């Protein structure tokens, strides 16, 4: 019985030392992903073309809003949101005044154009 206890004690010591060596040797930093060597990864950063086209669109929208404010003096103090609502209301009103067979076609609303009022 005593010999078995010494063998188990020796086995525990060897196992403990072996585990220690294993943990010391495998002290590499853990990465969640591979380095993607040779693979192209799409980065979700906007390109210069997208940014430039966005600012061109923004500039044209501001110019159109200024034209609308100059053309219709009662919209001079209106916000851009109110002007967009006014434009949409005018487009919807125009669509309702057209005959039914034309309304069946799908139409697109362009907020970058100034609607014409029909009186």
Foldseek 3Di string as FASTA:
>chain_A
DVVVVVVVVVVVVVVVVVVVVVCVVPVDDDDPDDPCPPHDDDDPDDDPVVVVVVVVVVVLLVVQVVVVCVVDVVCVPPDSVVVLVVLVVLVVVVLVPDDPVVNVDDDDDDSSDHDDDDD
